[in-house]
Every structure is written in C-alpha cells, then in structure tokens.
Amino acid sequence: ATLEHPQIARLYDAGVDGRGRPVMALEHVEGKPIDVFCRDGALSVDARLRLLVQAARAVAFAHSRLVLHRDLKPG
C-alpha cells in the first residue's frame, strides 16, 4: 500500500472475504494489455523498448521496497 509510482496501480485495501479468500482493492487503470497496445498501435521497436524500460523501472521500484511480483506477463 506504500508503493507510490507512476507505473504502479495503487493498492487501496486488502483482506480476506467471508469464505476466507484473499481479496485486494486496486486502482482501476483504463487501457489495454501492453502486448495488445503495442500491436494495435503498430509501435516501433524503439517505442516498445521505452515501454519495457518503464515496466522494468516499476518492478525495480517495487523490489527495492521488498515487494516481489512473480507473475509478470504481457497480458
């Protein structure tokens, strides 16, 4: 919840529902998966690499605060 970064959706709340399942309330981000965005926009290799760098910086930011994301994928 303390991660504040332009490329990371805010976590508003987390807990467990009535059935004991974990739940998270995250900021809603309008858009498309990055692979679809690149394809639909016919982005150049340079533009795709700039997006990849933004994503890598966001992940590095999270890692620097001991948050690990083990399921990163374009979708």
PDB file of N, CA and C in Angstrom:
ATOM      1  N   ALA A   1       0.812  -1.200   0.000  1.00  0.00           N
ATOM      2  CA  ALA A   1       0.000   0.000   0.000  1.00  0.00           C
ATOM      3  C   ALA A   1       0.855   1.264   0.000  1.00  0.00           C
ATOM      4  N   THR A   2       2.133   1.128   0.329  1.00  0.00           N
ATOM      5  CA  THR A   2       3.002   2.302   0.378  1.00  0.00           C
ATOM      6  C   THR A   2       3.746   2.531  -0.931  1.00  0.00           C
ATOM      7  N   LEU A   3       3.505   1.719  -1.936  1.00  0.00           N
ATOM      8  CA  LEU A   3       4.165   1.914  -3.222  1.00  0.00           C
ATOM      9  C   LEU A   3       3.493   3.060  -3.966  1.00  0.00           C
ATOM     10  N   GLU A   4       4.213   4.134  -4.161  1.00  0.00           N
ATOM     11  CA  GLU A   4       3.699   5.257  -4.934  1.00  0.00           C
ATOM     12  C   GLU A   4       4.637   5.465  -6.106  1.00  0.00           C
ATOM     13  N   HIS A   5       4.178   5.064  -7.284  1.00  0.00           N
ATOM     14  CA  HIS A   5       4.982   5.126  -8.502  1.00  0.00           C
ATOM     15  C   HIS A   5       4.034   5.337  -9.678  1.00  0.00           C
ATOM     16  N   PRO A   6       4.424   6.141 -10.667  1.00  0.00           N
ATOM     17  CA  PRO A   6       3.522   6.421 -11.791  1.00  0.00           C
ATOM     18  C   PRO A   6       3.093   5.189 -12.592  1.00  0.00           C
ATOM     19  N   GLN A   7       3.891   4.140 -12.591  1.00  0.00           N
ATOM     20  CA  GLN A   7       3.548   2.955 -13.368  1.00  0.00           C
ATOM     21  C   GLN A   7       3.059   1.787 -12.501  1.00  0.00           C
ATOM     22  N   ILE A   8       2.668   2.067 -11.266  1.00  0.00           N
ATOM     23  CA  ILE A   8       2.149   1.025 -10.379  1.00  0.00           C
ATOM     24  C   ILE A   8       0.768   1.443  -9.889  1.00  0.00           C
ATOM     25  N   ALA A   9      -0.227   0.575 -10.094  1.00  0.00           N
ATOM     26  CA  ALA A   9      -1.586   0.853  -9.616  1.00  0.00           C
ATOM     27  C   ALA A   9      -1.585   0.864  -8.080  1.00  0.00           C
ATOM     28  N   ARG A  10      -2.326   1.802  -7.515  1.00  0.00           N
ATOM     29  CA  ARG A  10      -2.399   1.922  -6.057  1.00  0.00           C
ATOM     30  C   ARG A  10      -3.200   0.770  -5.459  1.00  0.00           C
ATOM     31  N   LEU A  11      -2.722   0.278  -4.334  1.00  0.00           N
ATOM     32  CA  LEU A  11      -3.448  -0.702  -3.534  1.00  0.00           C
ATOM     33  C   LEU A  11      -4.233   0.074  -2.487  1.00  0.00           C
ATOM     34  N   TYR A  12      -5.560  -0.053  -2.512  1.00  0.00           N
ATOM     35  CA  TYR A  12      -6.402   0.681  -1.568  1.00  0.00           C
ATOM     36  C   TYR A  12      -6.719  -0.121  -0.310  1.00  0.00           C
ATOM     37  N   ASP A  13      -6.883  -1.426  -0.476  1.00  0.00           N
ATOM     38  CA  ASP A  13      -7.242  -2.246   0.685  1.00  0.00           C
ATOM     39  C   ASP A  13      -6.955  -3.706   0.357  1.00  0.00           C
ATOM     40  N   ALA A  14      -6.754  -4.487   1.389  1.00  0.00           N
ATOM     41  CA  ALA A  14      -6.544  -5.921   1.224  1.00  0.00           C
ATOM     42  C   ALA A  14      -7.096  -6.617   2.460  1.00  0.00           C
ATOM     43  N   GLY A  15      -7.473  -7.852   2.276  1.00  0.00           N
ATOM     44  CA  GLY A  15      -8.006  -8.604   3.395  1.00  0.00           C
ATOM     45  C   GLY A  15      -8.476  -9.973   2.957  1.00  0.00           C
ATOM     46  N   VAL A  16      -9.446 -10.489   3.673  1.00  0.00           N
ATOM     47  CA  VAL A  16      -9.987 -11.822   3.420  1.00  0.00           C
ATOM     48  C   VAL A  16     -11.502 -11.699   3.370  1.00  0.00           C
ATOM     49  N   ASP A  17     -12.117 -12.353   2.369  1.00  0.00           N
ATOM     50  CA  ASP A  17     -13.576 -12.287   2.271  1.00  0.00           C
ATOM     51  C   ASP A  17     -14.228 -13.289   3.217  1.00  0.00           C
ATOM     52  N   GLY A  18     -15.542 -13.366   3.192  1.00  0.00           N
ATOM     53  CA  GLY A  18     -16.298 -14.237   4.084  1.00  0.00           C
ATOM     54  C   GLY A  18     -15.997 -15.715   3.928  1.00  0.00           C
ATOM     55  N   ARG A  19     -15.449 -16.104   2.789  1.00  0.00           N
ATOM     56  CA  ARG A  19     -15.090 -17.513   2.555  1.00  0.00           C
ATOM     57  C   ARG A  19     -13.616 -17.790   2.826  1.00  0.00           C
ATOM     58  N   GLY A  20     -12.917 -16.795   3.345  1.00  0.00           N
ATOM     59  CA  GLY A  20     -11.509 -16.981   3.667  1.00  0.00           C
ATOM     60  C   GLY A  20     -10.563 -16.767   2.496  1.00  0.00           C
ATOM     61  N   ARG A  21     -11.077 -16.215   1.391  1.00  0.00           N
ATOM     62  CA  ARG A  21     -10.243 -15.979   0.209  1.00  0.00           C
ATOM     63  C   ARG A  21      -9.607 -14.593   0.295  1.00  0.00           C
ATOM     64  N   PRO A  22      -8.331 -14.496  -0.099  1.00  0.00           N
ATOM     65  CA  PRO A  22      -7.702 -13.173  -0.081  1.00  0.00           C
ATOM     66  C   PRO A  22      -8.308 -12.260  -1.141  1.00  0.00           C
ATOM     67  N   VAL A  23      -8.488 -10.991  -0.801  1.00  0.00           N
ATOM     68  CA  VAL A  23      -9.015 -10.003  -1.737  1.00  0.00           C
ATOM     69  C   VAL A  23      -8.148  -8.750  -1.681  1.00  0.00           C
ATOM     70  N   MET A  24      -8.085  -8.054  -2.824  1.00  0.00           N
ATOM     71  CA  MET A  24      -7.343  -6.801  -2.906  1.00  0.00           C
ATOM     72  C   MET A  24      -8.183  -5.797  -3.679  1.00  0.00           C
ATOM     73  N   ALA A  25      -8.216  -4.566  -3.222  1.00  0.00           N
ATOM     74  CA  ALA A  25      -8.875  -3.482  -3.941  1.00  0.00           C
ATOM     75  C   ALA A  25      -7.781  -2.592  -4.504  1.00  0.00           C
ATOM     76  N   LEU A  26      -7.683  -2.554  -5.851  1.00  0.00           N
ATOM     77  CA  LEU A  26      -6.645  -1.799  -6.538  1.00  0.00           C
ATOM     78  C   LEU A  26      -7.243  -0.662  -7.340  1.00  0.00           C
ATOM     79  N   GLU A  27      -6.424   0.330  -7.618  1.00  0.00           N
ATOM     80  CA  GLU A  27      -6.800   1.423  -8.507  1.00  0.00           C
ATOM     81  C   GLU A  27      -7.177   0.856  -9.870  1.00  0.00           C
ATOM     82  N   HIS A  28      -8.265   1.354 -10.456  1.00  0.00           N
ATOM     83  CA  HIS A  28      -8.663   0.934 -11.799  1.00  0.00           C
ATOM     84  C   HIS A  28      -7.830   1.717 -12.813  1.00  0.00           C
ATOM     85  N   VAL A  29      -7.224   1.009 -13.731  1.00  0.00           N
ATOM     86  CA  VAL A  29      -6.399   1.643 -14.764  1.00  0.00           C
ATOM     87  C   VAL A  29      -7.019   1.316 -16.120  1.00  0.00           C
ATOM     88  N   GLU A  30      -7.479   2.350 -16.822  1.00  0.00           N
ATOM     89  CA  GLU A  30      -8.040   2.161 -18.161  1.00  0.00           C
ATOM     90  C   GLU A  30      -6.914   1.802 -19.123  1.00  0.00           C
ATOM     91  N   GLY A  31      -7.213   0.963 -20.069  1.00  0.00           N
ATOM     92  CA  GLY A  31      -6.216   0.658 -21.084  1.00  0.00           C
ATOM     93  C   GLY A  31      -6.299  -0.771 -21.561  1.00  0.00           C
ATOM     94  N   LYS A  32      -5.255  -1.162 -22.252  1.00  0.00           N
ATOM     95  CA  LYS A  32      -5.152  -2.492 -22.848  1.00  0.00           C
ATOM     96  C   LYS A  32      -3.911  -3.173 -22.296  1.00  0.00           C
ATOM     97  N   PRO A  33      -3.860  -4.497 -22.368  1.00  0.00           N
ATOM     98  CA  PRO A  33      -2.599  -5.173 -22.046  1.00  0.00           C
ATOM     99  C   PRO A  33      -1.487  -4.622 -22.955  1.00  0.00           C
ATOM    100  N   ILE A  34      -0.277  -4.580 -22.431  1.00  0.00           N
ATOM    101  CA  ILE A  34       0.813  -3.931 -23.151  1.00  0.00           C
ATOM    102  C   ILE A  34       1.079  -4.559 -24.517  1.00  0.00           C
ATOM    103  N   ASP A  35       0.904  -5.873 -24.633  1.00  0.00           N
ATOM    104  CA  ASP A  35       1.152  -6.513 -25.935  1.00  0.00           C
ATOM    105  C   ASP A  35       0.096  -6.087 -26.962  1.00  0.00           C
ATOM    106  N   VAL A  36      -1.153  -5.962 -26.527  1.00  0.00           N
ATOM    107  CA  VAL A  36      -2.227  -5.518 -27.415  1.00  0.00           C
ATOM    108  C   VAL A  36      -2.017  -4.045 -27.775  1.00  0.00           C
ATOM    109  N   PHE A  37      -1.649  -3.235 -26.797  1.00  0.00           N
ATOM    110  CA  PHE A  37      -1.380  -1.814 -27.035  1.00  0.00           C
ATOM    111  C   PHE A  37      -0.286  -1.636 -28.096  1.00  0.00           C
ATOM    112  N   CYS A  38       0.771  -2.416 -27.974  1.00  0.00           N
ATOM    113  CA  CYS A  38       1.880  -2.325 -28.946  1.00  0.00           C
ATOM    114  C   CYS A  38       1.430  -2.761 -30.337  1.00  0.00           C
ATOM    115  N   ARG A  39       0.700  -3.854 -30.397  1.00  0.00           N
ATOM    116  CA  ARG A  39       0.240  -4.365 -31.691  1.00  0.00           C
ATOM    117  C   ARG A  39      -0.764  -3.430 -32.331  1.00  0.00           C
ATOM    118  N   ASP A  40      -1.769  -3.012 -31.565  1.00  0.00           N
ATOM    119  CA  ASP A  40      -2.807  -2.133 -32.113  1.00  0.00           C
ATOM    120  C   ASP A  40      -2.245  -0.787 -32.546  1.00  0.00           C
ATOM    121  N   GLY A  41      -1.253  -0.297 -31.826  1.00  0.00           N
ATOM    122  CA  GLY A  41      -0.656   0.988 -32.151  1.00  0.00           C
ATOM    123  C   GLY A  41       0.483   0.884 -33.143  1.00  0.00           C
ATOM    124  N   ALA A  42       0.780  -0.339 -33.581  1.00  0.00           N
ATOM    125  CA  ALA A  42       1.892  -0.579 -34.506  1.00  0.00           C
ATOM    126  C   ALA A  42       3.147   0.146 -34.019  1.00  0.00           C
ATOM    127  N   LEU A  43       3.447   0.007 -32.732  1.00  0.00           N
ATOM    128  CA  LEU A  43       4.587   0.696 -32.149  1.00  0.00           C
ATOM    129  C   LEU A  43       5.908   0.180 -32.727  1.00  0.00           C
ATOM    130  N   SER A  44       6.828   1.093 -32.903  1.00  0.00           N
ATOM    131  CA  SER A  44       8.165   0.742 -33.385  1.00  0.00           C
ATOM    132  C   SER A  44       8.915  -0.021 -32.298  1.00  0.00           C
ATOM    133  N   VAL A  45      10.009  -0.615 -32.672  1.00  0.00           N
ATOM    134  CA  VAL A  45      10.846  -1.319 -31.703  1.00  0.00           C
ATOM    135  C   VAL A  45      11.309  -0.346 -30.619  1.00  0.00           C
ATOM    136  N   ASP A  46      11.708   0.858 -31.011  1.00  0.00           N
ATOM    137  CA  ASP A  46      12.146   1.858 -30.032  1.00  0.00           C
ATOM    138  C   ASP A  46      11.035   2.191 -29.041  1.00  0.00           C
ATOM    139  N   ALA A  47       9.826   2.387 -29.520  1.00  0.00           N
ATOM    140  CA  ALA A  47       8.702   2.709 -28.645  1.00  0.00           C
ATOM    141  C   ALA A  47       8.393   1.545 -27.703  1.00  0.00           C
ATOM    142  N   ARG A  48       8.488   0.325 -28.212  1.00  0.00           N
ATOM    143  CA  ARG A  48       8.252  -0.854 -27.374  1.00  0.00           C
ATOM    144  C   ARG A  48       9.316  -0.965 -26.296  1.00  0.00           C
ATOM    145  N   LEU A  49      10.552  -0.657 -26.650  1.00  0.00           N
ATOM    146  CA  LEU A  49      11.632  -0.719 -25.668  1.00  0.00           C
ATOM    147  C   LEU A  49      11.450   0.342 -24.583  1.00  0.00           C
ATOM    148  N   ARG A  50      10.954   1.520 -24.954  1.00  0.00           N
ATOM    149  CA  ARG A  50      10.690   2.553 -23.951  1.00  0.00           C
ATOM    150  C   ARG A  50       9.627   2.081 -22.949  1.00  0.00           C
ATOM    151  N   LEU A  51       8.602   1.392 -23.442  1.00  0.00           N
ATOM    152  CA  LEU A  51       7.584   0.835 -22.540  1.00  0.00           C
ATOM    153  C   LEU A  51       8.181  -0.234 -21.634  1.00  0.00           C
ATOM    154  N   LEU A  52       9.027  -1.081 -22.201  1.00  0.00           N
ATOM    155  CA  LEU A  52       9.675  -2.131 -21.416  1.00  0.00           C
ATOM    156  C   LEU A  52      10.523  -1.520 -20.305  1.00  0.00           C
ATOM    157  N   VAL A  53      11.243  -0.457 -20.608  1.00  0.00           N
ATOM    158  CA  VAL A  53      12.062   0.212 -19.595  1.00  0.00           C
ATOM    159  C   VAL A  53      11.174   0.774 -18.481  1.00  0.00           C
ATOM    160  N   GLN A  54      10.038   1.370 -18.837  1.00  0.00           N
ATOM    161  CA  GLN A  54       9.109   1.873 -17.809  1.00  0.00           C
ATOM    162  C   GLN A  54       8.643   0.742 -16.908  1.00  0.00           C
ATOM    163  N   ALA A  55       8.291  -0.388 -17.495  1.00  0.00           N
ATOM    164  CA  ALA A  55       7.835  -1.539 -16.705  1.00  0.00           C
ATOM    165  C   ALA A  55       8.961  -2.055 -15.815  1.00  0.00           C
ATOM    166  N   ALA A  56      10.163  -2.140 -16.368  1.00  0.00           N
ATOM    167  CA  ALA A  56      11.305  -2.630 -15.582  1.00  0.00           C
ATOM    168  C   ALA A  56      11.610  -1.692 -14.418  1.00  0.00           C
ATOM    169  N   ARG A  57      11.491  -0.397 -14.643  1.00  0.00           N
ATOM    170  CA  ARG A  57      11.725   0.559 -13.552  1.00  0.00           C
ATOM    171  C   ARG A  57      10.674   0.418 -12.456  1.00  0.00           C
ATOM    172  N   ALA A  58       9.420   0.173 -12.842  1.00  0.00           N
ATOM    173  CA  ALA A  58       8.365  -0.027 -11.848  1.00  0.00           C
ATOM    174  C   ALA A  58       8.624  -1.287 -11.025  1.00  0.00           C
ATOM    175  N   VAL A  59       9.031  -2.358 -11.691  1.00  0.00           N
ATOM    176  CA  VAL A  59       9.338  -3.605 -10.977  1.00  0.00           C
ATOM    177  C   VAL A  59      10.545  -3.396 -10.061  1.00  0.00           C
ATOM    178  N   ALA A  60      11.570  -2.711 -10.543  1.00  0.00           N
ATOM    179  CA  ALA A  60      12.753  -2.447  -9.720  1.00  0.00           C
ATOM    180  C   ALA A  60      12.378  -1.604  -8.497  1.00  0.00           C
ATOM    181  N   PHE A  61      11.474  -0.631  -8.678  1.00  0.00           N
ATOM    182  CA  PHE A  61      10.997   0.191  -7.570  1.00  0.00           C
ATOM    183  C   PHE A  61      10.325  -0.689  -6.520  1.00  0.00           C
ATOM    184  N   ALA A  62       9.438  -1.573  -6.973  1.00  0.00           N
ATOM    185  CA  ALA A  62       8.752  -2.478  -6.040  1.00  0.00           C
ATOM    186  C   ALA A  62       9.762  -3.382  -5.334  1.00  0.00           C
ATOM    187  N   HIS A  63      10.708  -3.930  -6.092  1.00  0.00           N
ATOM    188  CA  HIS A  63      11.712  -4.806  -5.487  1.00  0.00           C
ATOM    189  C   HIS A  63      12.543  -4.060  -4.444  1.00  0.00           C
ATOM    190  N   SER A  64      12.826  -2.786  -4.703  1.00  0.00           N
ATOM    191  CA  SER A  64      13.623  -2.014  -3.745  1.00  0.00           C
ATOM    192  C   SER A  64      12.884  -1.813  -2.428  1.00  0.00           C
ATOM    193  N   ARG A  65      11.580  -2.033  -2.450  1.00  0.00           N
ATOM    194  CA  ARG A  65      10.768  -1.935  -1.240  1.00  0.00           C
ATOM    195  C   ARG A  65      10.295  -3.314  -0.772  1.00  0.00           C
ATOM    196  N   LEU A  66      11.041  -4.325  -1.200  1.00  0.00           N
ATOM    197  CA  LEU A  66      10.837  -5.719  -0.784  1.00  0.00           C
ATOM    198  C   LEU A  66       9.501  -6.299  -1.220  1.00  0.00           C
ATOM    199  N   VAL A  67       8.957  -5.797  -2.325  1.00  0.00           N
ATOM    200  CA  VAL A  67       7.742  -6.352  -2.913  1.00  0.00           C
ATOM    201  C   VAL A  67       8.169  -7.162  -4.123  1.00  0.00           C
ATOM    202  N   LEU A  68       7.779  -8.417  -4.149  1.00  0.00           N
ATOM    203  CA  LEU A  68       8.143  -9.318  -5.238  1.00  0.00           C
ATOM    204  C   LEU A  68       6.900  -9.677  -6.036  1.00  0.00           C
ATOM    205  N   HIS A  69       6.980  -9.545  -7.353  1.00  0.00           N
ATOM    206  CA  HIS A  69       5.877  -9.925  -8.249  1.00  0.00           C
ATOM    207  C   HIS A  69       6.378 -11.098  -9.066  1.00  0.00           C
ATOM    208  N   ARG A  70       5.760 -12.257  -8.899  1.00  0.00           N
ATOM    209  CA  ARG A  70       6.268 -13.460  -9.545  1.00  0.00           C
ATOM    210  C   ARG A  70       5.449 -13.887 -10.759  1.00  0.00           C
ATOM    211  N   ASP A  71       4.557 -13.052 -11.234  1.00  0.00           N
ATOM    212  CA  ASP A  71       3.695 -13.462 -12.334  1.00  0.00           C
ATOM    213  C   ASP A  71       3.555 -12.354 -13.374  1.00  0.00           C
ATOM    214  N   LEU A  72       4.663 -11.789 -13.809  1.00  0.00           N
ATOM    215  CA  LEU A  72       4.623 -10.729 -14.807  1.00  0.00           C
ATOM    216  C   LEU A  72       4.508 -11.330 -16.194  1.00  0.00           C
ATOM    217  N   LYS A  73       3.569 -10.813 -16.960  1.00  0.00           N
ATOM    218  CA  LYS A  73       3.388 -11.252 -18.345  1.00  0.00           C
ATOM    219  C   LYS A  73       2.713 -10.138 -19.118  1.00  0.00           C
ATOM    220  N   PRO A  74       2.865 -10.113 -20.440  1.00  0.00           N
ATOM    221  CA  PRO A  74       2.308  -9.019 -21.232  1.00  0.00           C
ATOM    222  C   PRO A  74       0.799  -8.841 -21.075  1.00  0.00           C
ATOM    223  N   GLY A  75       0.060  -9.912 -20.901  1.00  0.00           N
ATOM    224  CA  GLY A  75      -1.389  -9.825 -20.778  1.00  0.00           C
ATOM    225  C   GLY A  75      -1.817  -9.182 -19.501  1.00  0.00           C
TER     226      GLY A  75
END
